[in-house]
Amino acid sequence: MKKILMVGVFLLVAGGLILAAEQQIEKNKIEKRGAEQGLRRGPGEMGLGLYERLNLTEEQKAKIREIQKSRREQLSALQQDTTLSQEQKREKMRQIMESTQKQMDEVLTPEQRQQMEKLREEMRERMKQHWKKRNQGEEKPSTEAK
């Protein structure tokens, strides 16, 4: 009985270790893919490695963190709001995002704003390509009667 229990515990621990290793490998793959694209996200970071790319001062970083925190809180509250329709939520989310972008732009110098707009345009282009590629894979054959 002890041997069976010991084998069971061993298999349970080994399975847990294998699962943890697989999760770490997947996380590393995702981070590597993001790094190759110049992406970087983490707690308090602006995302896309923008702190470094824009050469922000500590004061700018602190202000942007506060703006982002406020945005997260607003979006979270919006998500929990059951009184709004999906369309109303989308419109409110668009307003929050535009407001956040405007506030962040006010923190940046003219040169940083110019660089930020360039990065935003690159991101929009990547997203267009992503959706174009994704939609091509989802094309379904026509079901029209012949």
Protein backbone atom coordinates (compact mmCIF):
# COMPACT_ATOMS: atom_id res chain seq x y z
CA MET A 1 0.00 0.00 0.00
CA LYS A 2 2.84 2.37 0.86
CA LYS A 3 4.48 1.72 -2.51
CA ILE A 4 1.28 2.53 -4.37
CA LEU A 5 0.85 5.73 -2.37
CA MET A 6 4.48 6.71 -2.99
CA VAL A 7 4.13 6.04 -6.74
CA GLY A 8 0.91 8.08 -6.81
CA VAL A 9 2.55 11.03 -5.05
CA PHE A 10 5.57 10.77 -7.35
CA LEU A 11 3.35 10.81 -10.46
CA LEU A 12 1.36 13.74 -9.11
CA VAL A 13 4.52 15.77 -8.41
CA ALA A 14 6.09 14.79 -11.75
CA GLY A 15 2.90 15.76 -13.59
CA GLY A 16 2.83 19.12 -11.83
CA LEU A 17 6.46 19.77 -12.73
CA ILE A 18 5.86 18.86 -16.36
CA LEU A 19 2.81 21.12 -16.52
CA ALA A 20 4.74 24.02 -14.95
CA ALA A 21 7.62 23.49 -17.39
CA GLU A 22 5.24 23.46 -20.37
CA GLN A 23 3.58 26.66 -19.17
CA GLN A 24 6.97 28.35 -18.75
CA ILE A 25 8.03 27.25 -22.24
CA GLU A 26 4.83 28.69 -23.71
CA LYS A 27 5.29 31.92 -21.76
CA ASN A 28 8.86 32.20 -23.04
CA LYS A 29 7.68 31.65 -26.63
CA ILE A 30 5.11 34.42 -26.27
CA GLU A 31 7.66 36.80 -24.72
CA LYS A 32 10.21 35.98 -27.42
CA ARG A 33 7.66 36.64 -30.16
CA GLY A 34 6.79 39.94 -28.51
CA ALA A 35 10.45 40.92 -28.13
CA GLU A 36 11.06 40.19 -31.80
CA GLN A 37 8.27 42.62 -32.65
CA GLY A 38 9.53 45.24 -30.20
CA LEU A 39 6.66 44.54 -27.82
CA ARG A 40 7.00 44.58 -24.09
CA ARG A 41 4.36 44.68 -21.45
CA GLY A 42 4.60 44.44 -17.75
CA PRO A 43 3.23 45.91 -14.55
CA GLY A 44 3.20 49.67 -14.80
CA GLU A 45 4.71 49.66 -18.27
CA MET A 46 3.22 51.55 -21.11
CA GLY A 47 3.41 48.50 -23.36
CA LEU A 48 5.22 48.10 -26.64
CA GLY A 49 8.49 49.06 -24.89
CA LEU A 50 7.48 52.69 -25.25
CA TYR A 51 9.14 53.96 -22.10
CA GLU A 52 12.50 53.12 -23.59
CA ARG A 53 11.60 53.95 -27.19
CA LEU A 54 10.34 57.39 -26.23
CA ASN A 55 13.10 58.01 -23.69
CA LEU A 56 10.64 59.12 -21.01
CA THR A 57 11.78 60.87 -17.85
CA GLU A 58 10.84 59.43 -14.45
CA GLU A 59 8.29 62.22 -14.05
CA GLN A 60 6.69 61.36 -17.40
CA LYS A 61 6.62 57.66 -16.49
CA ALA A 62 4.88 58.44 -13.19
CA LYS A 63 2.24 60.62 -14.89
CA ILE A 64 1.59 58.02 -17.57
CA ARG A 65 1.27 55.27 -14.97
CA GLU A 66 -1.43 57.32 -13.24
CA ILE A 67 -3.25 57.92 -16.54
CA GLN A 68 -3.12 54.21 -17.31
CA LYS A 69 -4.31 53.28 -13.84
CA SER A 70 -7.28 55.61 -14.26
CA ARG A 71 -8.01 54.08 -17.67
CA ARG A 72 -7.91 50.54 -16.26
CA GLU A 73 -10.29 51.54 -13.48
CA GLN A 74 -12.71 53.22 -15.90
CA LEU A 75 -12.65 50.27 -18.29
CA SER A 76 -13.17 47.83 -15.45
CA ALA A 77 -16.16 49.81 -14.17
CA LEU A 78 -17.53 50.00 -17.71
CA GLN A 79 -17.22 46.23 -18.11
CA GLN A 80 -19.19 45.71 -14.89
CA ASP A 81 -21.94 48.16 -15.86
CA THR A 82 -25.03 46.15 -16.71
CA THR A 83 -27.20 49.18 -17.55
CA LEU A 84 -25.49 49.86 -20.90
CA SER A 85 -25.96 48.03 -24.17
CA GLN A 86 -22.94 46.57 -25.98
CA GLU A 87 -23.05 49.46 -28.45
CA GLN A 88 -23.12 52.01 -25.61
CA LYS A 89 -20.20 50.24 -23.94
CA ARG A 90 -18.20 50.30 -27.18
CA GLU A 91 -18.82 54.02 -27.58
CA LYS A 92 -17.89 54.73 -23.96
CA MET A 93 -14.75 52.60 -24.32
CA ARG A 94 -13.77 54.57 -27.44
CA GLN A 95 -14.24 57.82 -25.50
CA ILE A 96 -12.10 56.54 -22.61
CA MET A 97 -9.34 55.44 -24.98
CA GLU A 98 -9.36 58.76 -26.87
CA SER A 99 -9.29 60.70 -23.62
CA THR A 100 -6.40 58.59 -22.32
CA GLN A 101 -4.47 59.07 -25.54
CA LYS A 102 -4.97 62.83 -25.35
CA GLN A 103 -3.85 62.93 -21.69
CA MET A 104 -0.74 60.87 -22.46
CA ASP A 105 0.10 63.07 -25.44
CA GLU A 106 0.00 66.11 -23.13
CA VAL A 107 2.73 64.52 -20.99
CA LEU A 108 5.04 64.05 -23.99
CA THR A 109 7.36 66.56 -25.63
CA PRO A 110 6.63 67.48 -29.28
CA GLU A 111 9.40 65.12 -30.44
CA GLN A 112 8.04 62.28 -28.29
CA ARG A 113 4.50 62.93 -29.58
CA GLN A 114 5.79 62.68 -33.14
CA GLN A 115 7.57 59.40 -32.35
CA MET A 116 4.47 58.12 -30.54
CA GLU A 117 2.27 58.82 -33.56
CA LYS A 118 4.74 56.94 -35.75
CA LEU A 119 4.61 53.97 -33.36
CA ARG A 120 0.80 54.08 -33.25
CA GLU A 121 0.70 54.00 -37.04
CA GLU A 122 3.04 51.00 -37.08
CA MET A 123 0.78 49.28 -34.55
CA ARG A 124 -2.33 50.02 -36.64
CA GLU A 125 -0.62 48.54 -39.68
CA ARG A 126 0.38 45.40 -37.75
CA MET A 127 -3.20 45.02 -36.53
CA LYS A 128 -4.55 45.42 -40.08
CA GLN A 129 -2.19 42.71 -41.29
CA HIS A 130 -3.13 40.49 -38.36
CA TRP A 131 -6.87 40.80 -39.04
CA LYS A 132 -6.38 40.42 -42.78
CA LYS A 133 -4.40 37.21 -42.23
CA ARG A 134 -6.89 35.95 -39.65
CA ASN A 135 -9.91 36.66 -41.86
CA GLN A 136 -8.31 34.89 -44.83
CA GLY A 137 -8.04 31.75 -42.74
CA GLU A 138 -11.71 31.96 -41.79
CA GLU A 139 -13.13 32.32 -45.28
CA LYS A 140 -15.90 29.79 -45.73
CA PRO A 141 -17.10 28.31 -49.00
CA SER A 142 -20.21 29.83 -50.42
CA THR A 143 -23.42 28.08 -49.39
CA GLU A 144 -25.51 29.57 -52.18
CA ALA A 145 -27.67 27.18 -54.16
CA LYS A 146 -26.44 26.49 -57.68
